[in-house]
Amino acid sequence: MDITALNRISQDLPSLATPVPAQKAAENREVVQAVKALNSTEMFGPENDLVFQKDPQTQRMVIKVVNRKTKDLVSQIPPEYVLRLAENLKPGKRR
């Protein structure tokens, strides 16, 4: 088997994930650990989890409280209507 051919193929492929600087990666780990610690205290209720997500349309961070069993949304900051308003107010967006 010609391994050099595989090496050439892998070198030509574009990188799908952009590297994260070490400082940013450390900050991300700290946030993940803090959220896990909060969820273990049941601060948001015995069946709820705190979740951080990026809204795909606005690219803004959203904080959600989600029911662990049903996956139903309990609350969200900012609310969905605020995210849609921000999306509609972007320059160049057709109304």
PDB file of N, CA and C in Angstrom:
ATOM      1  N   MET A   1       0.843  -1.182   0.000  1.00  0.00           N
ATOM      2  CA  MET A   1       0.000   0.000   0.000  1.00  0.00           C
ATOM      3  C   MET A   1       0.887   1.242   0.000  1.00  0.00           C
ATOM      4  N   ASP A   2       0.545   2.195  -0.838  1.00  0.00           N
ATOM      5  CA  ASP A   2       1.337   3.416  -0.979  1.00  0.00           C
ATOM      6  C   ASP A   2       0.841   4.471   0.005  1.00  0.00           C
ATOM      7  N   ILE A   3       1.543   4.639   1.110  1.00  0.00           N
ATOM      8  CA  ILE A   3       1.153   5.596   2.142  1.00  0.00           C
ATOM      9  C   ILE A   3       1.416   7.022   1.691  1.00  0.00           C
ATOM     10  N   THR A   4       2.380   7.241   0.838  1.00  0.00           N
ATOM     11  CA  THR A   4       2.678   8.606   0.394  1.00  0.00           C
ATOM     12  C   THR A   4       1.486   9.204  -0.345  1.00  0.00           C
ATOM     13  N   ALA A   5       0.708   8.383  -1.038  1.00  0.00           N
ATOM     14  CA  ALA A   5      -0.482   8.890  -1.727  1.00  0.00           C
ATOM     15  C   ALA A   5      -1.504   9.383  -0.716  1.00  0.00           C
ATOM     16  N   LEU A   6      -1.657   8.667   0.381  1.00  0.00           N
ATOM     17  CA  LEU A   6      -2.588   9.088   1.427  1.00  0.00           C
ATOM     18  C   LEU A   6      -2.113  10.387   2.078  1.00  0.00           C
ATOM     19  N   ASN A   7      -0.829  10.504   2.300  1.00  0.00           N
ATOM     20  CA  ASN A   7      -0.287  11.721   2.887  1.00  0.00           C
ATOM     21  C   ASN A   7      -0.545  12.929   1.995  1.00  0.00           C
ATOM     22  N   ARG A   8      -0.382  12.754   0.684  1.00  0.00           N
ATOM     23  CA  ARG A   8      -0.638  13.864  -0.242  1.00  0.00           C
ATOM     24  C   ARG A   8      -2.105  14.265  -0.219  1.00  0.00           C
ATOM     25  N   ILE A   9      -2.996  13.285  -0.139  1.00  0.00           N
ATOM     26  CA  ILE A   9      -4.433  13.587  -0.100  1.00  0.00           C
ATOM     27  C   ILE A   9      -4.767  14.359   1.162  1.00  0.00           C
ATOM     28  N   SER A  10      -4.261  13.907   2.295  1.00  0.00           N
ATOM     29  CA  SER A  10      -4.589  14.580   3.554  1.00  0.00           C
ATOM     30  C   SER A  10      -3.987  15.981   3.612  1.00  0.00           C
ATOM     31  N   GLN A  11      -2.878  16.215   2.942  1.00  0.00           N
ATOM     32  CA  GLN A  11      -2.271  17.540   2.940  1.00  0.00           C
ATOM     33  C   GLN A  11      -3.052  18.506   2.064  1.00  0.00           C
ATOM     34  N   ASP A  12      -3.723  18.002   1.054  1.00  0.00           N
ATOM     35  CA  ASP A  12      -4.474  18.859   0.146  1.00  0.00           C
ATOM     36  C   ASP A  12      -5.844  19.245   0.685  1.00  0.00           C
ATOM     37  N   LEU A  13      -6.344  18.512   1.693  1.00  0.00           N
ATOM     38  CA  LEU A  13      -7.671  18.803   2.221  1.00  0.00           C
ATOM     39  C   LEU A  13      -7.639  20.070   3.066  1.00  0.00           C
ATOM     40  N   PRO A  14      -8.646  20.939   2.915  1.00  0.00           N
ATOM     41  CA  PRO A  14      -8.689  22.127   3.752  1.00  0.00           C
ATOM     42  C   PRO A  14      -9.047  21.748   5.185  1.00  0.00           C
ATOM     43  N   SER A  15      -8.557  22.502   6.109  1.00  0.00           N
ATOM     44  CA  SER A  15      -8.862  22.262   7.515  1.00  0.00           C
ATOM     45  C   SER A  15     -10.292  22.721   7.791  1.00  0.00           C
ATOM     46  N   LEU A  16     -11.105  21.848   8.367  1.00  0.00           N
ATOM     47  CA  LEU A  16     -12.497  22.184   8.641  1.00  0.00           C
ATOM     48  C   LEU A  16     -12.639  22.951   9.949  1.00  0.00           C
ATOM     49  N   ALA A  17     -11.788  22.673  10.898  1.00  0.00           N
ATOM     50  CA  ALA A  17     -11.869  23.342  12.186  1.00  0.00           C
ATOM     51  C   ALA A  17     -10.739  24.356  12.289  1.00  0.00           C
ATOM     52  N   THR A  18     -11.082  25.561  12.686  1.00  0.00           N
ATOM     53  CA  THR A  18     -10.043  26.561  12.873  1.00  0.00           C
ATOM     54  C   THR A  18      -9.429  26.367  14.252  1.00  0.00           C
ATOM     55  N   PRO A  19      -8.119  26.476  14.347  1.00  0.00           N
ATOM     56  CA  PRO A  19      -7.483  26.267  15.643  1.00  0.00           C
ATOM     57  C   PRO A  19      -7.895  27.354  16.637  1.00  0.00           C
ATOM     58  N   VAL A  20      -8.071  26.938  17.878  1.00  0.00           N
ATOM     59  CA  VAL A  20      -8.461  27.856  18.945  1.00  0.00           C
ATOM     60  C   VAL A  20      -7.204  28.203  19.735  1.00  0.00           C
ATOM     61  N   PRO A  21      -6.947  29.505  19.951  1.00  0.00           N
ATOM     62  CA  PRO A  21      -5.774  29.880  20.755  1.00  0.00           C
ATOM     63  C   PRO A  21      -5.841  29.252  22.142  1.00  0.00           C
ATOM     64  N   ALA A  22      -4.692  28.977  22.734  1.00  0.00           N
ATOM     65  CA  ALA A  22      -4.623  28.300  24.026  1.00  0.00           C
ATOM     66  C   ALA A  22      -5.395  29.058  25.103  1.00  0.00           C
ATOM     67  N   GLN A  23      -5.300  30.371  25.113  1.00  0.00           N
ATOM     68  CA  GLN A  23      -6.005  31.176  26.120  1.00  0.00           C
ATOM     69  C   GLN A  23      -7.517  31.006  25.982  1.00  0.00           C
ATOM     70  N   LYS A  24      -8.014  31.041  24.747  1.00  0.00           N
ATOM     71  CA  LYS A  24      -9.450  30.892  24.495  1.00  0.00           C
ATOM     72  C   LYS A  24      -9.919  29.487  24.870  1.00  0.00           C
ATOM     73  N   ALA A  25      -9.112  28.483  24.556  1.00  0.00           N
ATOM     74  CA  ALA A  25      -9.463  27.104  24.904  1.00  0.00           C
ATOM     75  C   ALA A  25      -9.566  26.945  26.415  1.00  0.00           C
ATOM     76  N   ALA A  26      -8.648  27.569  27.150  1.00  0.00           N
ATOM     77  CA  ALA A  26      -8.676  27.503  28.614  1.00  0.00           C
ATOM     78  C   ALA A  26      -9.929  28.187  29.153  1.00  0.00           C
ATOM     79  N   GLU A  27     -10.293  29.325  28.580  1.00  0.00           N
ATOM     80  CA  GLU A  27     -11.509  30.022  28.995  1.00  0.00           C
ATOM     81  C   GLU A  27     -12.741  29.169  28.717  1.00  0.00           C
ATOM     82  N   ASN A  28     -12.773  28.522  27.545  1.00  0.00           N
ATOM     83  CA  ASN A  28     -13.902  27.656  27.201  1.00  0.00           C
ATOM     84  C   ASN A  28     -14.038  26.505  28.193  1.00  0.00           C
ATOM     85  N   ARG A  29     -12.902  25.905  28.566  1.00  0.00           N
ATOM     86  CA  ARG A  29     -12.937  24.807  29.538  1.00  0.00           C
ATOM     87  C   ARG A  29     -13.476  25.292  30.882  1.00  0.00           C
ATOM     88  N   GLU A  30     -13.065  26.487  31.297  1.00  0.00           N
ATOM     89  CA  GLU A  30     -13.538  27.038  32.567  1.00  0.00           C
ATOM     90  C   GLU A  30     -15.048  27.260  32.539  1.00  0.00           C
ATOM     91  N   VAL A  31     -15.567  27.759  31.428  1.00  0.00           N
ATOM     92  CA  VAL A  31     -17.014  27.978  31.305  1.00  0.00           C
ATOM     93  C   VAL A  31     -17.751  26.649  31.363  1.00  0.00           C
ATOM     94  N   VAL A  32     -17.252  25.651  30.644  1.00  0.00           N
ATOM     95  CA  VAL A  32     -17.888  24.332  30.640  1.00  0.00           C
ATOM     96  C   VAL A  32     -17.896  23.756  32.053  1.00  0.00           C
ATOM     97  N   GLN A  33     -16.783  23.871  32.771  1.00  0.00           N
ATOM     98  CA  GLN A  33     -16.712  23.361  34.145  1.00  0.00           C
ATOM     99  C   GLN A  33     -17.677  24.103  35.062  1.00  0.00           C
ATOM    100  N   ALA A  34     -17.792  25.416  34.885  1.00  0.00           N
ATOM    101  CA  ALA A  34     -18.704  26.206  35.715  1.00  0.00           C
ATOM    102  C   ALA A  34     -20.154  25.806  35.457  1.00  0.00           C
ATOM    103  N   VAL A  35     -20.518  25.605  34.198  1.00  0.00           N
ATOM    104  CA  VAL A  35     -21.890  25.206  33.859  1.00  0.00           C
ATOM    105  C   VAL A  35     -22.181  23.819  34.437  1.00  0.00           C
ATOM    106  N   LYS A  36     -21.231  22.895  34.331  1.00  0.00           N
ATOM    107  CA  LYS A  36     -21.432  21.559  34.907  1.00  0.00           C
ATOM    108  C   LYS A  36     -21.618  21.640  36.418  1.00  0.00           C
ATOM    109  N   ALA A  37     -20.837  22.501  37.069  1.00  0.00           N
ATOM    110  CA  ALA A  37     -20.962  22.663  38.515  1.00  0.00           C
ATOM    111  C   ALA A  37     -22.333  23.229  38.875  1.00  0.00           C
ATOM    112  N   LEU A  38     -22.788  24.228  38.123  1.00  0.00           N
ATOM    113  CA  LEU A  38     -24.122  24.792  38.378  1.00  0.00           C
ATOM    114  C   LEU A  38     -25.214  23.750  38.170  1.00  0.00           C
ATOM    115  N   ASN A  39     -25.099  22.973  37.105  1.00  0.00           N
ATOM    116  CA  ASN A  39     -26.110  21.957  36.830  1.00  0.00           C
ATOM    117  C   ASN A  39     -26.144  20.886  37.921  1.00  0.00           C
ATOM    118  N   SER A  40     -24.999  20.570  38.500  1.00  0.00           N
ATOM    119  CA  SER A  40     -24.968  19.557  39.560  1.00  0.00           C
ATOM    120  C   SER A  40     -25.602  20.057  40.852  1.00  0.00           C
ATOM    121  N   THR A  41     -25.686  21.369  41.048  1.00  0.00           N
ATOM    122  CA  THR A  41     -26.307  21.920  42.260  1.00  0.00           C
ATOM    123  C   THR A  41     -27.819  21.982  42.148  1.00  0.00           C
ATOM    124  N   GLU A  42     -28.357  21.714  40.972  1.00  0.00           N
ATOM    125  CA  GLU A  42     -29.789  21.788  40.706  1.00  0.00           C
ATOM    126  C   GLU A  42     -30.339  23.188  40.986  1.00  0.00           C
ATOM    127  N   MET A  43     -29.506  24.196  40.765  1.00  0.00           N
ATOM    128  CA  MET A  43     -29.901  25.581  40.986  1.00  0.00           C
ATOM    129  C   MET A  43     -31.104  25.974  40.120  1.00  0.00           C
ATOM    130  N   PHE A  44     -31.228  25.336  38.968  1.00  0.00           N
ATOM    131  CA  PHE A  44     -32.308  25.666  38.037  1.00  0.00           C
ATOM    132  C   PHE A  44     -33.453  24.664  38.124  1.00  0.00           C
ATOM    133  N   GLY A  45     -33.466  23.878  39.165  1.00  0.00           N
ATOM    134  CA  GLY A  45     -34.487  22.868  39.373  1.00  0.00           C
ATOM    135  C   GLY A  45     -33.891  21.481  39.239  1.00  0.00           C
ATOM    136  N   PRO A  46     -34.544  20.493  39.822  1.00  0.00           N
ATOM    137  CA  PRO A  46     -33.990  19.138  39.805  1.00  0.00           C
ATOM    138  C   PRO A  46     -33.974  18.487  38.427  1.00  0.00           C
ATOM    139  N   GLU A  47     -34.791  18.983  37.506  1.00  0.00           N
ATOM    140  CA  GLU A  47     -34.861  18.365  36.177  1.00  0.00           C
ATOM    141  C   GLU A  47     -34.369  19.291  35.064  1.00  0.00           C
ATOM    142  N   ASN A  48     -33.759  20.420  35.424  1.00  0.00           N
ATOM    143  CA  ASN A  48     -33.358  21.410  34.418  1.00  0.00           C
ATOM    144  C   ASN A  48     -31.849  21.552  34.333  1.00  0.00           C
ATOM    145  N   ASP A  49     -31.383  21.889  33.132  1.00  0.00           N
ATOM    146  CA  ASP A  49     -29.965  22.138  32.877  1.00  0.00           C
ATOM    147  C   ASP A  49     -29.783  23.517  32.269  1.00  0.00           C
ATOM    148  N   LEU A  50     -28.683  24.148  32.617  1.00  0.00           N
ATOM    149  CA  LEU A  50     -28.266  25.396  31.992  1.00  0.00           C
ATOM    150  C   LEU A  50     -27.478  25.035  30.738  1.00  0.00           C
ATOM    151  N   VAL A  51     -27.812  25.697  29.605  1.00  0.00           N
ATOM    152  CA  VAL A  51     -27.174  25.387  28.327  1.00  0.00           C
ATOM    153  C   VAL A  51     -26.777  26.684  27.646  1.00  0.00           C
ATOM    154  N   PHE A  52     -25.558  26.733  27.115  1.00  0.00           N
ATOM    155  CA  PHE A  52     -25.107  27.857  26.306  1.00  0.00           C
ATOM    156  C   PHE A  52     -25.079  27.378  24.862  1.00  0.00           C
ATOM    157  N   GLN A  53     -25.685  28.151  23.952  1.00  0.00           N
ATOM    158  CA  GLN A  53     -25.682  27.805  22.534  1.00  0.00           C
ATOM    159  C   GLN A  53     -25.514  29.065  21.717  1.00  0.00           C
ATOM    160  N   LYS A  54     -24.971  28.896  20.523  1.00  0.00           N
ATOM    161  CA  LYS A  54     -24.864  30.011  19.590  1.00  0.00           C
ATOM    162  C   LYS A  54     -26.056  29.942  18.645  1.00  0.00           C
ATOM    163  N   ASP A  55     -26.791  31.058  18.538  1.00  0.00           N
ATOM    164  CA  ASP A  55     -27.913  31.114  17.612  1.00  0.00           C
ATOM    165  C   ASP A  55     -27.358  31.058  16.194  1.00  0.00           C
ATOM    166  N   PRO A  56     -27.830  30.115  15.368  1.00  0.00           N
ATOM    167  CA  PRO A  56     -27.246  29.950  14.037  1.00  0.00           C
ATOM    168  C   PRO A  56     -27.464  31.139  13.099  1.00  0.00           C
ATOM    169  N   GLN A  57     -28.544  31.871  13.280  1.00  0.00           N
ATOM    170  CA  GLN A  57     -28.813  32.979  12.367  1.00  0.00           C
ATOM    171  C   GLN A  57     -28.102  34.272  12.773  1.00  0.00           C
ATOM    172  N   THR A  58     -28.103  34.593  14.066  1.00  0.00           N
ATOM    173  CA  THR A  58     -27.490  35.849  14.504  1.00  0.00           C
ATOM    174  C   THR A  58     -26.052  35.679  14.966  1.00  0.00           C
ATOM    175  N   GLN A  59     -25.641  34.421  15.194  1.00  0.00           N
ATOM    176  CA  GLN A  59     -24.303  34.117  15.722  1.00  0.00           C
ATOM    177  C   GLN A  59     -24.088  34.703  17.115  1.00  0.00           C
ATOM    178  N   ARG A  60     -25.152  34.940  17.858  1.00  0.00           N
ATOM    179  CA  ARG A  60     -25.059  35.453  19.228  1.00  0.00           C
ATOM    180  C   ARG A  60     -25.225  34.301  20.218  1.00  0.00           C
ATOM    181  N   MET A  61     -24.574  34.434  21.363  1.00  0.00           N
ATOM    182  CA  MET A  61     -24.709  33.411  22.395  1.00  0.00           C
ATOM    183  C   MET A  61     -26.079  33.530  23.060  1.00  0.00           C
ATOM    184  N   VAL A  62     -26.664  32.384  23.347  1.00  0.00           N
ATOM    185  CA  VAL A  62     -27.970  32.301  23.971  1.00  0.00           C
ATOM    186  C   VAL A  62     -27.839  31.413  25.204  1.00  0.00           C
ATOM    187  N   ILE A  63     -28.433  31.839  26.294  1.00  0.00           N
ATOM    188  CA  ILE A  63     -28.429  31.067  27.529  1.00  0.00           C
ATOM    189  C   ILE A  63     -29.826  30.481  27.691  1.00  0.00           C
ATOM    190  N   LYS A  64     -29.887  29.160  27.866  1.00  0.00           N
ATOM    191  CA  LYS A  64     -31.177  28.491  27.973  1.00  0.00           C
ATOM    192  C   LYS A  64     -31.216  27.634  29.228  1.00  0.00           C
ATOM    193  N   VAL A  65     -32.411  27.527  29.784  1.00  0.00           N
ATOM    194  CA  VAL A  65     -32.690  26.532  30.816  1.00  0.00           C
ATOM    195  C   VAL A  65     -33.610  25.523  30.150  1.00  0.00           C
ATOM    196  N   VAL A  66     -33.143  24.260  30.098  1.00  0.00           N
ATOM    197  CA  VAL A  66     -33.845  23.206  29.359  1.00  0.00           C
ATOM    198  C   VAL A  66     -34.155  22.051  30.302  1.00  0.00           C
ATOM    199  N   ASN A  67     -35.371  21.497  30.171  1.00  0.00           N
ATOM    200  CA  ASN A  67     -35.750  20.328  30.947  1.00  0.00           C
ATOM    201  C   ASN A  67     -34.911  19.146  30.472  1.00  0.00           C
ATOM    202  N   ARG A  68     -34.229  18.515  31.393  1.00  0.00           N
ATOM    203  CA  ARG A  68     -33.298  17.433  31.084  1.00  0.00           C
ATOM    204  C   ARG A  68     -34.002  16.229  30.447  1.00  0.00           C
ATOM    205  N   LYS A  69     -35.207  15.921  30.897  1.00  0.00           N
ATOM    206  CA  LYS A  69     -35.915  14.735  30.406  1.00  0.00           C
ATOM    207  C   LYS A  69     -36.650  14.991  29.097  1.00  0.00           C
ATOM    208  N   THR A  70     -37.424  16.068  29.049  1.00  0.00           N
ATOM    209  CA  THR A  70     -38.275  16.327  27.879  1.00  0.00           C
ATOM    210  C   THR A  70     -37.593  17.174  26.821  1.00  0.00           C
ATOM    211  N   LYS A  71     -36.479  17.825  27.187  1.00  0.00           N
ATOM    212  CA  LYS A  71     -35.756  18.756  26.309  1.00  0.00           C
ATOM    213  C   LYS A  71     -36.582  20.004  25.986  1.00  0.00           C
ATOM    214  N   ASP A  72     -37.658  20.236  26.754  1.00  0.00           N
ATOM    215  CA  ASP A  72     -38.470  21.444  26.568  1.00  0.00           C
ATOM    216  C   ASP A  72     -37.717  22.663  27.084  1.00  0.00           C
ATOM    217  N   LEU A  73     -37.889  23.785  26.398  1.00  0.00           N
ATOM    218  CA  LEU A  73     -37.274  25.040  26.803  1.00  0.00           C
ATOM    219  C   LEU A  73     -38.057  25.629  27.973  1.00  0.00           C
ATOM    220  N   VAL A  74     -37.378  25.905  29.078  1.00  0.00           N
ATOM    221  CA  VAL A  74     -38.010  26.497  30.252  1.00  0.00           C
ATOM    222  C   VAL A  74     -37.903  28.014  30.167  1.00  0.00           C
ATOM    223  N   SER A  75     -36.703  28.517  29.884  1.00  0.00           N
ATOM    224  CA  SER A  75     -36.499  29.956  29.695  1.00  0.00           C
ATOM    225  C   SER A  75     -35.261  30.171  28.836  1.00  0.00           C
ATOM    226  N   GLN A  76     -35.165  31.401  28.310  1.00  0.00           N
ATOM    227  CA  GLN A  76     -34.067  31.717  27.398  1.00  0.00           C
ATOM    228  C   GLN A  76     -33.733  33.196  27.490  1.00  0.00           C
ATOM    229  N   ILE A  77     -32.416  33.503  27.453  1.00  0.00           N
ATOM    230  CA  ILE A  77     -31.934  34.883  27.421  1.00  0.00           C
ATOM    231  C   ILE A  77     -30.939  34.990  26.280  1.00  0.00           C
ATOM    232  N   PRO A  78     -31.090  35.893  25.340  1.00  0.00           N
ATOM    233  CA  PRO A  78     -32.258  36.732  25.098  1.00  0.00           C
ATOM    234  C   PRO A  78     -33.407  35.895  24.529  1.00  0.00           C
ATOM    235  N   PRO A  79     -34.632  36.383  24.699  1.00  0.00           N
ATOM    236  CA  PRO A  79     -35.780  35.644  24.173  1.00  0.00           C
ATOM    237  C   PRO A  79     -35.709  35.501  22.648  1.00  0.00           C
ATOM    238  N   GLU A  80     -36.427  34.529  22.141  1.00  0.00           N
ATOM    239  CA  GLU A  80     -36.428  34.234  20.705  1.00  0.00           C
ATOM    240  C   GLU A  80     -36.835  35.452  19.881  1.00  0.00           C
ATOM    241  N   TYR A  81     -37.831  36.205  20.348  1.00  0.00           N
ATOM    242  CA  TYR A  81     -38.283  37.363  19.569  1.00  0.00           C
ATOM    243  C   TYR A  81     -37.192  38.420  19.450  1.00  0.00           C
ATOM    244  N   VAL A  82     -36.331  38.545  20.454  1.00  0.00           N
ATOM    245  CA  VAL A  82     -35.227  39.506  20.386  1.00  0.00           C
ATOM    246  C   VAL A  82     -34.194  39.048  19.352  1.00  0.00           C
ATOM    247  N   LEU A  83     -33.916  37.744  19.310  1.00  0.00           N
ATOM    248  CA  LEU A  83     -32.986  37.217  18.309  1.00  0.00           C
ATOM    249  C   LEU A  83     -33.509  37.446  16.895  1.00  0.00           C
ATOM    250  N   ARG A  84     -34.799  37.209  16.681  1.00  0.00           N
ATOM    251  CA  ARG A  84     -35.374  37.406  15.342  1.00  0.00           C
ATOM    252  C   ARG A  84     -35.392  38.895  14.976  1.00  0.00           C
ATOM    253  N   LEU A  85     -35.650  39.749  15.941  1.00  0.00           N
ATOM    254  CA  LEU A  85     -35.609  41.190  15.705  1.00  0.00           C
ATOM    255  C   LEU A  85     -34.198  41.611  15.302  1.00  0.00           C
ATOM    256  N   ALA A  86     -33.194  41.111  16.010  1.00  0.00           N
ATOM    257  CA  ALA A  86     -31.792  41.427  15.676  1.00  0.00           C
ATOM    258  C   ALA A  86     -31.454  40.937  14.276  1.00  0.00           C
ATOM    259  N   GLU A  87     -31.954  39.776  13.910  1.00  0.00           N
ATOM    260  CA  GLU A  87     -31.698  39.229  12.580  1.00  0.00           C
ATOM    261  C   GLU A  87     -32.342  40.106  11.516  1.00  0.00           C
ATOM    262  N   ASN A  88     -33.563  40.555  11.761  1.00  0.00           N
ATOM    263  CA  ASN A  88     -34.276  41.395  10.786  1.00  0.00           C
ATOM    264  C   ASN A  88     -33.691  42.795  10.650  1.00  0.00           C
ATOM    265  N   LEU A  89     -32.973  43.265  11.662  1.00  0.00           N
ATOM    266  CA  LEU A  89     -32.395  44.600  11.628  1.00  0.00           C
ATOM    267  C   LEU A  89     -30.990  44.632  11.026  1.00  0.00           C
ATOM    268  N   LYS A  90     -30.461  43.485  10.638  1.00  0.00           N
ATOM    269  CA  LYS A  90     -29.132  43.460  10.038  1.00  0.00           C
ATOM    270  C   LYS A  90     -29.146  44.253   8.735  1.00  0.00           C
ATOM    271  N   PRO A  91     -28.059  44.997   8.464  1.00  0.00           N
ATOM    272  CA  PRO A  91     -27.975  45.726   7.192  1.00  0.00           C
ATOM    273  C   PRO A  91     -28.054  44.772   6.003  1.00  0.00           C
ATOM    274  N   GLY A  92     -28.794  45.183   5.004  1.00  0.00           N
ATOM    275  CA  GLY A  92     -28.921  44.359   3.805  1.00  0.00           C
ATOM    276  C   GLY A  92     -29.974  43.284   3.891  1.00  0.00           C
ATOM    277  N   LYS A  93     -30.596  43.152   5.034  1.00  0.00           N
ATOM    278  CA  LYS A  93     -31.646  42.140   5.230  1.00  0.00           C
ATOM    279  C   LYS A  93     -32.936  42.648   4.616  1.00  0.00           C
ATOM    280  N   ARG A  94     -33.561  41.846   3.764  1.00  0.00           N
ATOM    281  CA  ARG A  94     -34.841  42.223   3.162  1.00  0.00           C
ATOM    282  C   ARG A  94     -35.943  42.128   4.187  1.00  0.00           C
ATOM    283  N   ARG A  95     -36.810  43.107   4.179  1.00  0.00           N
ATOM    284  CA  ARG A  95     -37.937  43.106   5.123  1.00  0.00           C
ATOM    285  C   ARG A  95     -39.230  42.913   4.412  1.00  0.00           C
TER     286      ARG A  95
END
